N, C-alpha and C. Protein backbone atom coordinates (compact mmCIF):
# COMPACT_ATOMS: atom_id res chain seq x y z
N MET A 1 0.80 -1.11 -0.01
CA MET A 1 0.21 0.12 -0.05
C MET A 1 0.85 1.49 0.02
N GLN A 2 0.82 2.31 -0.95
CA GLN A 2 1.79 3.24 -1.28
C GLN A 2 0.91 4.62 -0.49
N ARG A 3 -0.41 4.42 0.18
CA ARG A 3 -0.33 5.90 0.45
C ARG A 3 -1.03 5.84 1.84
N GLY A 4 -1.40 7.27 2.00
CA GLY A 4 -1.46 7.58 3.79
C GLY A 4 -0.17 7.24 4.34
N HIS A 5 -0.31 7.50 5.78
CA HIS A 5 1.09 7.43 6.28
C HIS A 5 1.05 6.36 7.72
N ARG A 6 2.07 5.78 7.06
CA ARG A 6 2.20 4.53 8.06
C ARG A 6 2.24 4.96 10.22
N ILE A 7 0.94 4.36 11.02
CA ILE A 7 1.21 4.63 11.87
C ILE A 7 2.44 3.32 12.93
N HIS A 8 1.50 2.25 12.59
CA HIS A 8 2.40 0.91 13.73
C HIS A 8 2.43 -0.12 13.35
N ARG A 9 2.44 -1.15 13.80
CA ARG A 9 2.77 -2.41 13.54
C ARG A 9 1.11 -2.88 14.36
N TYR A 10 0.29 -3.55 13.87
CA TYR A 10 -0.51 -4.47 14.76
C TYR A 10 -1.28 -5.91 14.35
N THR A 11 -2.27 -6.20 15.20
CA THR A 11 -2.45 -7.14 15.06
C THR A 11 -3.85 -7.03 14.90
N TYR A 12 -4.74 -7.54 13.86
CA TYR A 12 -6.13 -7.53 13.22
C TYR A 12 -6.76 -6.77 13.82
N GLY A 13 -7.23 -7.32 15.34
CA GLY A 13 -8.02 -7.25 16.81
C GLY A 13 -7.38 -5.41 16.91
N GLY A 14 -5.63 -5.66 17.36
CA GLY A 14 -5.79 -4.14 17.68
C GLY A 14 -5.76 -3.09 16.67
N TYR A 15 -6.09 -3.24 15.60
CA TYR A 15 -6.58 -2.18 14.26
C TYR A 15 -7.47 -2.01 14.74
N LEU A 16 -8.58 -3.07 15.04
CA LEU A 16 -10.15 -2.85 15.41
C LEU A 16 -10.47 -1.74 16.20
N ARG A 17 -9.14 -2.05 17.72
CA ARG A 17 -9.24 -1.00 18.65
C ARG A 17 -9.03 0.50 18.40
N TYR A 18 -7.51 0.15 17.41
CA TYR A 18 -7.45 1.81 17.19
C TYR A 18 -8.51 2.34 16.86
N GLU A 19 -8.83 2.01 15.85
CA GLU A 19 -9.86 2.31 14.92
C GLU A 19 -11.63 2.88 15.71
N ALA A 20 -11.83 1.72 16.36
CA ALA A 20 -12.93 2.38 17.65
C ALA A 20 -12.17 3.53 18.41
N ASP A 21 -11.38 3.98 18.78
CA ASP A 21 -11.11 4.86 19.59
C ASP A 21 -10.35 5.85 18.44
N SER A 22 -10.26 5.65 16.95
CA SER A 22 -10.03 7.67 16.26
C SER A 22 -11.30 8.13 16.02
N ASN A 23 -10.87 9.55 14.87
CA ASN A 23 -11.45 9.98 14.94
C ASN A 23 -11.56 10.15 13.42
N GLY A 24 -10.55 9.16 12.68
CA GLY A 24 -10.63 8.80 10.80
C GLY A 24 -10.48 7.72 11.16
N LYS A 25 -10.49 7.65 9.93
CA LYS A 25 -10.59 6.43 8.82
C LYS A 25 -8.90 5.86 9.00
N HIS A 26 -9.60 4.64 8.88
CA HIS A 26 -7.71 4.49 8.82
C HIS A 26 -8.10 2.76 7.79
N GLU A 27 -7.00 2.37 7.08
CA GLU A 27 -6.93 0.94 6.03
C GLU A 27 -6.02 0.39 6.95
N TYR A 28 -5.96 -0.71 7.04
CA TYR A 28 -5.34 -1.57 7.42
C TYR A 28 -4.99 -3.00 6.25
N LEU A 29 -3.61 -3.10 7.39
CA LEU A 29 -2.81 -4.25 5.62
C LEU A 29 -1.48 -4.91 6.15
N ASP A 30 -1.72 -6.21 6.66
CA ASP A 30 -0.97 -6.94 7.33
C ASP A 30 0.06 -6.66 8.33
N GLY A 31 -0.79 -6.01 8.93
CA GLY A 31 -0.14 -5.40 10.32
C GLY A 31 0.06 -3.85 10.78
N GLU A 32 -0.09 -3.84 9.02
CA GLU A 32 0.13 -2.03 9.30
C GLU A 32 -1.26 -1.12 8.96
N ILE A 33 -1.28 -0.33 9.90
CA ILE A 33 -2.83 0.70 9.60
C ILE A 33 -2.00 2.03 8.90
N TYR A 34 -2.48 2.53 7.81
CA TYR A 34 -3.21 3.52 6.83
C TYR A 34 -3.66 4.58 7.09
N ALA A 35 -3.12 5.94 7.52
CA ALA A 35 -4.36 6.65 7.66
C ALA A 35 -4.89 7.34 6.58
N MET A 36 -5.81 7.91 5.93
CA MET A 36 -6.93 7.63 4.98
C MET A 36 -6.98 9.34 4.50
N ALA A 37 -6.71 9.61 3.62
CA ALA A 37 -6.43 10.97 3.26
C ALA A 37 -8.30 11.36 3.28
N GLY A 38 -8.40 12.91 3.23
CA GLY A 38 -10.12 13.29 2.83
C GLY A 38 -9.67 13.27 1.07
N GLY A 39 -11.58 13.30 0.25
CA GLY A 39 -10.71 13.21 -1.57
C GLY A 39 -11.25 14.89 -1.77
N SER A 40 -11.33 15.25 -2.62
CA SER A 40 -10.92 16.27 -3.43
C SER A 40 -12.42 16.42 -3.89
N LEU A 41 -13.35 17.62 -3.77
CA LEU A 41 -14.23 17.77 -4.38
C LEU A 41 -14.46 16.76 -5.60
N GLN A 42 -13.91 16.40 -6.48
CA GLN A 42 -14.92 15.92 -8.15
C GLN A 42 -15.03 14.58 -7.13
N HIS A 43 -13.64 13.75 -6.74
CA HIS A 43 -14.25 12.68 -5.53
C HIS A 43 -15.73 12.26 -4.64
N ALA A 44 -15.50 13.35 -4.29
CA ALA A 44 -16.86 12.88 -3.65
C ALA A 44 -18.05 13.43 -4.03
N ALA A 45 -17.96 13.85 -5.50
CA ALA A 45 -19.31 14.14 -6.62
C ALA A 45 -19.29 12.53 -7.23
N LEU A 46 -18.36 12.56 -7.77
CA LEU A 46 -18.35 11.11 -7.97
C LEU A 46 -18.67 10.08 -8.19
N ALA A 47 -18.08 9.75 -6.63
CA ALA A 47 -18.84 8.68 -5.44
C ALA A 47 -19.95 9.09 -4.90
N VAL A 48 -20.82 10.26 -5.13
CA VAL A 48 -22.33 10.71 -4.86
C VAL A 48 -23.09 9.91 -5.62
N ASN A 49 -22.71 9.86 -7.22
CA ASN A 49 -23.21 10.53 -8.55
C ASN A 49 -23.26 8.48 -8.56
N VAL A 50 -22.52 7.79 -8.43
CA VAL A 50 -22.45 6.42 -8.68
C VAL A 50 -23.30 6.07 -7.23
N SER A 51 -23.49 6.13 -6.26
CA SER A 51 -23.87 5.52 -5.13
C SER A 51 -25.70 6.23 -5.59
N SER A 52 -26.00 7.25 -6.11
CA SER A 52 -27.46 7.64 -6.68
C SER A 52 -27.84 6.91 -7.72
N ALA A 53 -26.56 6.58 -8.63
CA ALA A 53 -27.63 6.11 -9.84
C ALA A 53 -27.72 4.60 -9.36
N LEU A 54 -27.41 4.05 -8.58
CA LEU A 54 -26.99 2.34 -7.91
C LEU A 54 -28.06 2.48 -7.34
N HIS A 55 -28.55 3.20 -6.40
CA HIS A 55 -29.64 2.81 -5.55
C HIS A 55 -30.82 3.10 -6.17
N ALA A 56 -30.77 4.40 -6.89
CA ALA A 56 -32.67 4.50 -8.09
C ALA A 56 -32.99 2.50 -8.74
N ARG A 57 -31.29 2.27 -9.50
CA ARG A 57 -32.05 1.70 -10.30
C ARG A 57 -32.23 0.28 -9.17
N LEU A 58 -31.38 -0.40 -7.85
CA LEU A 58 -31.70 -1.49 -7.24
C LEU A 58 -32.98 -1.39 -6.00
N VAL A 59 -34.02 0.22 -6.53
CA VAL A 59 -35.31 -0.35 -5.58
C VAL A 59 -35.93 -1.65 -6.17
N GLY A 60 -36.69 -2.17 -4.99
CA GLY A 60 -37.10 -3.72 -5.12
C GLY A 60 -36.23 -4.50 -5.25
N LYS A 61 -34.98 -5.04 -5.29
CA LYS A 61 -34.30 -5.79 -5.19
C LYS A 61 -33.88 -6.18 -3.96
N PRO A 62 -33.06 -7.10 -3.77
CA PRO A 62 -32.61 -7.41 -2.81
C PRO A 62 -31.07 -6.92 -2.47
N CYS A 63 -30.48 -5.77 -2.60
CA CYS A 63 -29.35 -5.44 -2.52
C CYS A 63 -29.43 -3.97 -1.96
N VAL A 64 -28.10 -3.74 -0.83
CA VAL A 64 -28.40 -2.69 -0.39
C VAL A 64 -26.77 -1.26 -0.57
N VAL A 65 -27.28 -0.69 -1.04
CA VAL A 65 -26.08 0.36 -1.56
C VAL A 65 -25.69 1.34 -0.12
N TYR A 66 -24.02 0.81 0.23
CA TYR A 66 -23.72 1.67 1.09
C TYR A 66 -22.56 2.30 0.80
N SER A 67 -22.28 3.54 1.91
CA SER A 67 -20.82 4.97 1.40
C SER A 67 -20.07 4.19 1.96
N SER A 68 -19.27 4.93 1.69
CA SER A 68 -17.47 5.07 1.95
C SER A 68 -17.53 4.85 4.21
N ASP A 69 -18.74 4.51 4.25
CA ASP A 69 -18.42 4.31 5.87
C ASP A 69 -17.77 3.32 6.43
N LEU A 70 -18.70 2.41 5.25
CA LEU A 70 -18.77 0.85 5.54
C LEU A 70 -17.31 0.16 5.16
N LYS A 71 -16.87 -0.35 6.37
CA LYS A 71 -15.84 -1.23 5.87
C LYS A 71 -15.75 -2.63 5.43
N VAL A 72 -14.79 -3.00 4.61
CA VAL A 72 -14.63 -4.75 3.76
C VAL A 72 -13.26 -4.83 4.20
N ARG A 73 -13.49 -6.47 4.75
CA ARG A 73 -12.72 -7.55 5.42
C ARG A 73 -11.86 -7.90 4.02
N VAL A 74 -11.05 -8.05 3.44
CA VAL A 74 -10.20 -9.16 2.55
C VAL A 74 -10.00 -10.66 3.60
N VAL A 75 -10.10 -11.18 4.00
CA VAL A 75 -9.90 -12.12 4.77
C VAL A 75 -8.58 -12.80 4.14
N ALA A 76 -8.43 -13.16 3.12
CA ALA A 76 -7.30 -13.86 2.59
C ALA A 76 -6.04 -13.46 2.66
N SER A 77 -6.16 -11.89 2.32
CA SER A 77 -5.06 -11.15 2.42
C SER A 77 -4.90 -10.04 3.46
N ASP A 78 -5.41 -10.38 4.70
CA ASP A 78 -5.50 -9.32 5.87
C ASP A 78 -5.51 -8.09 5.64
N LEU A 79 -6.92 -7.26 4.83
CA LEU A 79 -6.81 -6.26 4.18
C LEU A 79 -7.84 -5.75 5.01
N ALA A 80 -8.48 -4.63 5.63
CA ALA A 80 -9.29 -4.17 5.82
C ALA A 80 -9.54 -2.49 5.50
N THR A 81 -10.14 -2.38 4.73
CA THR A 81 -10.69 -0.73 3.87
C THR A 81 -11.94 -0.35 3.86
N TYR A 82 -12.17 0.85 3.31
CA TYR A 82 -13.47 1.75 3.07
C TYR A 82 -13.60 1.80 1.62
N PRO A 83 -14.11 0.95 0.88
CA PRO A 83 -14.46 1.05 -0.32
C PRO A 83 -15.42 2.58 -0.29
N ASP A 84 -15.20 3.24 -1.75
CA ASP A 84 -16.21 4.25 -1.64
C ASP A 84 -17.59 4.02 -2.12
N VAL A 85 -18.17 2.91 -2.54
CA VAL A 85 -19.69 2.82 -2.53
C VAL A 85 -19.08 0.61 -2.50
N THR A 86 -20.11 0.13 -1.61
CA THR A 86 -19.94 -0.64 -1.74
C THR A 86 -21.87 -1.34 -2.11
N ILE A 87 -21.87 -2.66 -2.27
CA ILE A 87 -23.52 -2.86 -2.80
C ILE A 87 -22.85 -4.47 -2.36
N ILE A 88 -24.03 -5.22 -1.71
CA ILE A 88 -24.35 -6.52 -0.99
C ILE A 88 -25.97 -6.56 -1.37
N CYS A 89 -25.61 -7.89 -1.94
CA CYS A 89 -27.46 -8.53 -2.32
C CYS A 89 -27.82 -9.57 -1.24
N GLY A 90 -28.47 -9.53 -0.71
CA GLY A 90 -28.93 -10.29 0.56
C GLY A 90 -28.39 -9.84 1.92
N PRO A 91 -28.31 -11.25 2.63
CA PRO A 91 -28.04 -10.77 4.20
C PRO A 91 -26.61 -10.35 4.34
N PRO A 92 -26.35 -9.12 4.90
CA PRO A 92 -24.82 -8.93 5.21
C PRO A 92 -24.25 -10.07 6.19
N GLU A 93 -22.65 -10.31 5.60
CA GLU A 93 -21.49 -11.06 6.52
C GLU A 93 -20.62 -11.05 7.79
N GLU A 94 -21.47 -10.03 8.85
CA GLU A 94 -20.28 -9.19 9.41
C GLU A 94 -19.44 -10.40 9.96
N ASP A 95 -18.31 -8.94 9.92
CA ASP A 95 -17.04 -9.83 10.91
C ASP A 95 -17.06 -10.49 12.18
N PRO A 96 -16.78 -12.01 12.46
CA PRO A 96 -16.86 -11.97 13.64
C PRO A 96 -16.07 -11.50 14.30
N GLN A 97 -15.17 -10.59 14.33
CA GLN A 97 -14.58 -9.61 14.87
C GLN A 97 -14.81 -8.80 14.87
N SER A 98 -15.71 -7.61 14.20
CA SER A 98 -16.26 -6.56 14.53
C SER A 98 -17.54 -6.20 13.70
N ARG A 99 -18.63 -5.96 14.05
CA ARG A 99 -20.26 -5.27 13.71
C ARG A 99 -20.04 -4.62 12.64
N HIS A 100 -18.71 -3.55 13.33
CA HIS A 100 -18.51 -2.62 11.96
C HIS A 100 -18.05 -2.73 10.81
N VAL A 101 -17.97 -4.62 10.20
CA VAL A 101 -16.99 -4.64 9.13
C VAL A 101 -17.80 -5.98 8.07
N VAL A 102 -17.71 -5.49 7.33
CA VAL A 102 -18.82 -6.44 6.10
C VAL A 102 -17.79 -7.77 5.79
N LEU A 103 -18.03 -8.67 5.24
CA LEU A 103 -17.15 -9.71 4.69
C LEU A 103 -17.78 -10.10 3.79
N ASN A 104 -18.96 -10.18 3.10
CA ASN A 104 -19.36 -10.11 1.36
C ASN A 104 -19.69 -9.17 0.56
N PRO A 105 -19.16 -8.40 0.28
CA PRO A 105 -19.88 -7.67 -0.78
C PRO A 105 -19.85 -8.51 -2.22
N THR A 106 -21.11 -8.03 -3.33
CA THR A 106 -20.98 -8.27 -4.56
C THR A 106 -20.68 -7.27 -4.95
N LEU A 107 -20.51 -6.08 -5.21
CA LEU A 107 -19.71 -5.36 -6.12
C LEU A 107 -19.68 -4.45 -5.16
N LEU A 108 -17.95 -3.88 -6.28
CA LEU A 108 -17.13 -2.64 -5.22
C LEU A 108 -16.93 -1.56 -6.01
N VAL A 109 -16.66 -0.47 -5.25
CA VAL A 109 -16.73 1.12 -6.91
C VAL A 109 -15.26 1.84 -5.84
N GLU A 110 -14.33 1.91 -6.76
CA GLU A 110 -13.63 2.67 -5.80
C GLU A 110 -13.37 3.95 -7.06
N VAL A 111 -13.42 4.98 -6.37
CA VAL A 111 -12.83 6.24 -7.45
C VAL A 111 -11.77 6.78 -7.24
N THR A 112 -11.13 6.60 -8.37
CA THR A 112 -9.69 7.14 -8.12
C THR A 112 -9.06 7.97 -7.90
N SER A 113 -7.48 8.79 -7.32
CA SER A 113 -7.78 10.21 -6.96
C SER A 113 -5.97 9.83 -7.61
N PRO A 114 -5.04 10.96 -7.38
CA PRO A 114 -3.93 11.00 -7.97
C PRO A 114 -3.17 9.69 -7.03
N SER A 115 -3.32 11.11 -5.47
CA SER A 115 -2.44 9.74 -4.65
C SER A 115 -3.24 8.18 -4.56
N THR A 116 -4.13 7.72 -5.34
CA THR A 116 -4.62 5.97 -4.49
C THR A 116 -4.96 5.45 -6.04
N GLU A 117 -4.26 5.59 -7.06
CA GLU A 117 -4.66 5.22 -8.78
C GLU A 117 -3.96 4.38 -8.74
N ASP A 118 -2.39 4.18 -8.42
CA ASP A 118 -2.42 2.70 -8.79
C ASP A 118 -2.33 2.31 -7.81
N TRP A 119 -2.76 2.37 -6.83
CA TRP A 119 -3.14 1.44 -5.38
C TRP A 119 -4.74 1.28 -5.66
N ASP A 120 -5.47 1.74 -6.44
CA ASP A 120 -6.76 1.15 -6.56
C ASP A 120 -6.96 0.03 -7.89
N ARG A 121 -6.09 0.72 -8.85
CA ARG A 121 -5.75 -0.39 -10.24
C ARG A 121 -5.04 -2.15 -10.13
N GLY A 122 -4.05 -1.35 -9.15
CA GLY A 122 -3.29 -2.79 -9.06
C GLY A 122 -3.45 -3.69 -7.70
N ASP A 123 -2.59 -3.42 -6.55
CA ASP A 123 -2.31 -4.49 -5.94
C ASP A 123 -3.77 -4.60 -4.41
N LYS A 124 -4.97 -2.98 -4.67
CA LYS A 124 -5.99 -3.46 -4.19
C LYS A 124 -6.81 -4.18 -4.85
N LEU A 125 -7.25 -4.07 -6.23
CA LEU A 125 -7.93 -4.77 -6.76
C LEU A 125 -8.10 -6.39 -6.90
N ASP A 126 -5.96 -6.00 -6.79
CA ASP A 126 -5.08 -7.75 -6.48
C ASP A 126 -6.35 -8.37 -5.10
N HIS A 127 -6.31 -7.42 -4.09
CA HIS A 127 -6.77 -8.39 -2.61
C HIS A 127 -8.53 -7.79 -3.15
N TYR A 128 -9.36 -7.09 -3.47
CA TYR A 128 -10.36 -7.70 -3.98
C TYR A 128 -11.15 -8.23 -4.72
N LYS A 129 -10.05 -9.12 -5.42
CA LYS A 129 -10.22 -10.31 -5.96
C LYS A 129 -10.10 -11.68 -4.94
N LYS A 130 -10.39 -11.79 -3.94
CA LYS A 130 -9.83 -12.32 -3.18
C LYS A 130 -11.01 -12.30 -2.14
N ILE A 131 -11.47 -12.10 -2.59
CA ILE A 131 -13.11 -12.42 -1.69
C ILE A 131 -13.80 -13.07 -2.62
N PRO A 132 -14.46 -13.74 -1.82
CA PRO A 132 -15.22 -15.21 -2.74
C PRO A 132 -16.72 -14.38 -3.31
N SER A 133 -17.39 -13.52 -2.56
CA SER A 133 -19.05 -12.75 -3.10
C SER A 133 -18.47 -11.95 -3.65
N LEU A 134 -17.69 -11.48 -4.26
CA LEU A 134 -17.06 -10.19 -5.34
C LEU A 134 -17.63 -10.78 -6.40
N ARG A 135 -18.84 -10.07 -7.16
CA ARG A 135 -18.49 -10.01 -8.47
C ARG A 135 -17.87 -9.79 -9.79
N GLU A 136 -17.91 -8.12 -9.06
CA GLU A 136 -18.00 -6.92 -9.64
C GLU A 136 -16.89 -5.80 -9.33
N CYS A 137 -16.25 -5.13 -9.45
CA CYS A 137 -15.20 -4.10 -9.29
C CYS A 137 -16.01 -2.89 -10.24
N VAL A 138 -16.20 -1.69 -9.21
CA VAL A 138 -15.66 -0.47 -10.90
C VAL A 138 -14.66 0.58 -10.39
N LEU A 139 -13.91 0.70 -11.15
CA LEU A 139 -13.03 1.56 -11.40
C LEU A 139 -13.80 3.23 -11.56
N VAL A 140 -14.04 4.24 -11.37
CA VAL A 140 -14.41 5.46 -12.11
C VAL A 140 -12.83 6.50 -11.42
N SER A 141 -12.74 6.78 -12.64
CA SER A 141 -11.41 7.86 -12.97
C SER A 141 -11.87 9.11 -12.49
N HIS A 142 -10.62 9.57 -11.67
CA HIS A 142 -10.42 11.39 -11.41
C HIS A 142 -9.95 11.86 -13.00
N ARG A 143 -9.45 11.14 -13.47
CA ARG A 143 -8.83 11.95 -14.81
C ARG A 143 -9.44 12.29 -16.01
N ASP A 144 -10.17 11.16 -16.86
CA ASP A 144 -10.39 11.12 -17.50
C ASP A 144 -12.35 10.55 -17.13
N ARG A 145 -13.37 10.90 -18.14
CA ARG A 145 -14.83 10.31 -18.03
C ARG A 145 -15.07 9.29 -17.88
N ARG A 146 -14.28 8.43 -18.03
CA ARG A 146 -14.08 6.80 -18.09
C ARG A 146 -14.34 5.93 -16.68
N ILE A 147 -14.77 4.75 -17.11
CA ILE A 147 -15.17 3.55 -16.49
C ILE A 147 -14.70 2.54 -16.40
N GLU A 148 -14.66 1.95 -15.64
CA GLU A 148 -13.79 0.01 -15.86
C GLU A 148 -14.60 -0.56 -14.75
N VAL A 149 -14.94 -1.85 -15.68
CA VAL A 149 -15.56 -2.63 -14.89
C VAL A 149 -15.13 -4.21 -14.97
N HIS A 150 -14.79 -4.53 -13.91
CA HIS A 150 -13.47 -5.97 -13.86
C HIS A 150 -14.69 -7.06 -12.78
N ARG A 151 -14.84 -8.59 -13.49
CA ARG A 151 -16.31 -8.41 -13.69
C ARG A 151 -15.18 -10.46 -13.06
N ARG A 152 -15.50 -11.11 -12.09
CA ARG A 152 -15.27 -12.86 -12.14
C ARG A 152 -16.37 -13.51 -13.27
N GLU A 153 -16.03 -13.92 -13.60
CA GLU A 153 -17.15 -15.05 -15.23
C GLU A 153 -17.26 -15.87 -14.33
N ASP A 154 -18.03 -16.34 -14.82
CA ASP A 154 -18.95 -18.13 -14.51
C ASP A 154 -17.76 -18.89 -13.79
N ASP A 155 -16.58 -18.83 -14.98
CA ASP A 155 -15.66 -20.05 -14.50
C ASP A 155 -14.47 -19.65 -13.62
N GLY A 156 -14.82 -18.75 -12.86
CA GLY A 156 -14.04 -17.85 -11.67
C GLY A 156 -12.61 -16.92 -12.19
N THR A 157 -12.53 -16.92 -13.85
CA THR A 157 -11.64 -16.15 -14.00
C THR A 157 -11.81 -14.13 -13.87
N TRP A 158 -11.21 -13.58 -13.95
CA TRP A 158 -11.50 -11.94 -14.30
C TRP A 158 -11.40 -11.43 -15.65
N SER A 159 -12.79 -10.64 -16.20
CA SER A 159 -11.70 -10.08 -17.22
C SER A 159 -12.30 -8.39 -17.12
N SER A 160 -12.44 -7.34 -17.96
CA SER A 160 -12.41 -6.17 -17.90
C SER A 160 -13.26 -5.26 -19.12
N GLN A 161 -14.15 -4.36 -19.13
CA GLN A 161 -14.70 -3.26 -20.11
C GLN A 161 -13.93 -2.44 -19.30
N ALA A 162 -13.45 -1.06 -20.12
CA ALA A 162 -13.87 -0.04 -20.28
C ALA A 162 -14.53 0.53 -21.46
N SER A 163 -15.49 1.42 -20.36
CA SER A 163 -16.59 2.74 -21.22
C SER A 163 -16.20 4.26 -20.81
N GLY A 164 -16.51 4.93 -21.95
CA GLY A 164 -16.31 6.26 -22.04
C GLY A 164 -17.29 6.93 -22.92
N PRO A 165 -16.67 8.48 -22.68
CA PRO A 165 -18.32 9.04 -23.11
C PRO A 165 -19.47 8.95 -23.98
N GLY A 166 -20.96 8.93 -23.26
CA GLY A 166 -21.68 8.67 -24.28
C GLY A 166 -21.63 7.31 -25.05
N GLN A 167 -21.22 6.09 -23.18
CA GLN A 167 -21.85 5.01 -23.98
C GLN A 167 -22.13 4.27 -22.22
N VAL A 168 -23.00 2.66 -21.97
CA VAL A 168 -23.28 2.61 -20.75
C VAL A 168 -22.28 1.37 -20.16
N PHE A 169 -22.15 0.82 -19.54
CA PHE A 169 -22.19 0.27 -18.45
C PHE A 169 -22.60 -0.76 -17.95
N VAL A 170 -22.47 -2.44 -18.11
CA VAL A 170 -23.57 -2.92 -17.35
C VAL A 170 -22.23 -3.92 -16.68
N LEU A 171 -23.83 -3.73 -15.57
CA LEU A 171 -23.51 -4.49 -13.65
C LEU A 171 -23.88 -5.28 -13.85
N ALA A 172 -23.82 -7.32 -14.31
CA ALA A 172 -24.29 -8.46 -14.41
C ALA A 172 -24.67 -8.52 -13.16
N SER A 173 -24.01 -8.28 -12.43
CA SER A 173 -23.86 -8.62 -11.05
C SER A 173 -25.88 -8.32 -10.04
N LEU A 174 -25.58 -6.96 -10.60
CA LEU A 174 -27.16 -6.54 -10.17
C LEU A 174 -28.04 -6.32 -11.37
N GLY A 175 -28.13 -6.83 -12.44
CA GLY A 175 -28.64 -6.64 -13.74
C GLY A 175 -28.95 -5.22 -14.06
N CYS A 176 -28.16 -4.07 -14.24
CA CYS A 176 -28.52 -2.81 -14.29
C CYS A 176 -27.37 -2.44 -15.42
N GLU A 177 -27.47 -1.01 -15.57
CA GLU A 177 -26.86 -0.63 -16.71
C GLU A 177 -26.74 0.82 -15.82
N LEU A 178 -25.51 1.29 -16.06
CA LEU A 178 -25.38 3.24 -16.27
C LEU A 178 -25.04 3.90 -17.61
N SER A 179 -24.62 4.66 -16.84
CA SER A 179 -24.32 5.75 -18.19
C SER A 179 -23.31 6.58 -17.96
N ILE A 180 -22.19 6.63 -18.53
CA ILE A 180 -21.48 7.26 -18.42
C ILE A 180 -21.52 8.53 -17.84
N ASP A 181 -22.71 9.26 -19.40
CA ASP A 181 -22.61 10.22 -18.67
C ASP A 181 -23.21 10.92 -17.51
N GLU A 182 -24.10 10.13 -17.16
CA GLU A 182 -25.11 10.51 -16.08
C GLU A 182 -23.86 9.93 -14.88
N ILE A 183 -22.59 9.21 -14.81
CA ILE A 183 -22.01 9.58 -13.37
C ILE A 183 -21.26 10.87 -13.85
N TYR A 184 -20.56 11.41 -14.73
CA TYR A 184 -19.97 12.39 -14.68
C TYR A 184 -20.35 13.54 -14.42
N ARG A 185 -22.57 13.56 -15.19
CA ARG A 185 -22.75 14.57 -15.22
C ARG A 185 -22.80 16.22 -13.71
N GLY A 186 -22.26 17.25 -13.72
CA GLY A 186 -22.35 18.19 -13.57
C GLY A 186 -19.97 18.40 -12.81
N ILE A 187 -19.70 17.53 -13.29
CA ILE A 187 -18.48 17.60 -12.62
C ILE A 187 -16.83 17.80 -13.38
N ASP A 188 -16.31 18.97 -13.43
CA ASP A 188 -15.48 19.15 -14.17
C ASP A 188 -13.91 19.09 -13.26
N LEU A 189 -13.58 17.33 -14.34
CA LEU A 189 -12.18 16.58 -14.00
C LEU A 189 -11.03 17.38 -14.09
N SER A 190 -10.87 19.38 -14.58
CA SER A 190 -10.21 20.02 -14.93
C SER A 190 -9.79 20.50 -13.76
N GLU A 191 -10.17 20.98 -12.83
CA GLU A 191 -9.79 21.46 -12.01
C GLU A 191 -8.86 20.48 -10.91
């Protein structure tokens, strides 16, 4: 993990206690705790646009859209993090060590930023792919009007598809599609 500031070496249980007593958010990876920085105006707006669009399309379905306040744990690689958007279809599976952490996301969304782009597109995506319940991971670019959908296929392999202005992208795990123009509406990426 290349972002944030290293705090100390902890067990996962120690991290949970540290986080419970903290007034900020921290990610955890293999004994290390990393402070999370706040996002830009564009980052915050993109996360809300994605959340709002997904929420509108999931009305009446057994799926819930969660904000970046929900922590997700990747048990296989000892990562705990706060995706920008998390969707769980069906009952949430809480971490046995904390009711504030879930283990079974169906879809995760990360909005990239200059400081997180390499992590989001690289190692973090690889960690996410180790979550058995995860069907899709969506990367929303802060640089261009571009969205990538990484999808677990029926045979367990992962595929990816990028979409740009004027296009729609399909979220097969949710049975819906979203418009790139809808997600980027009102957002000036030049700022």
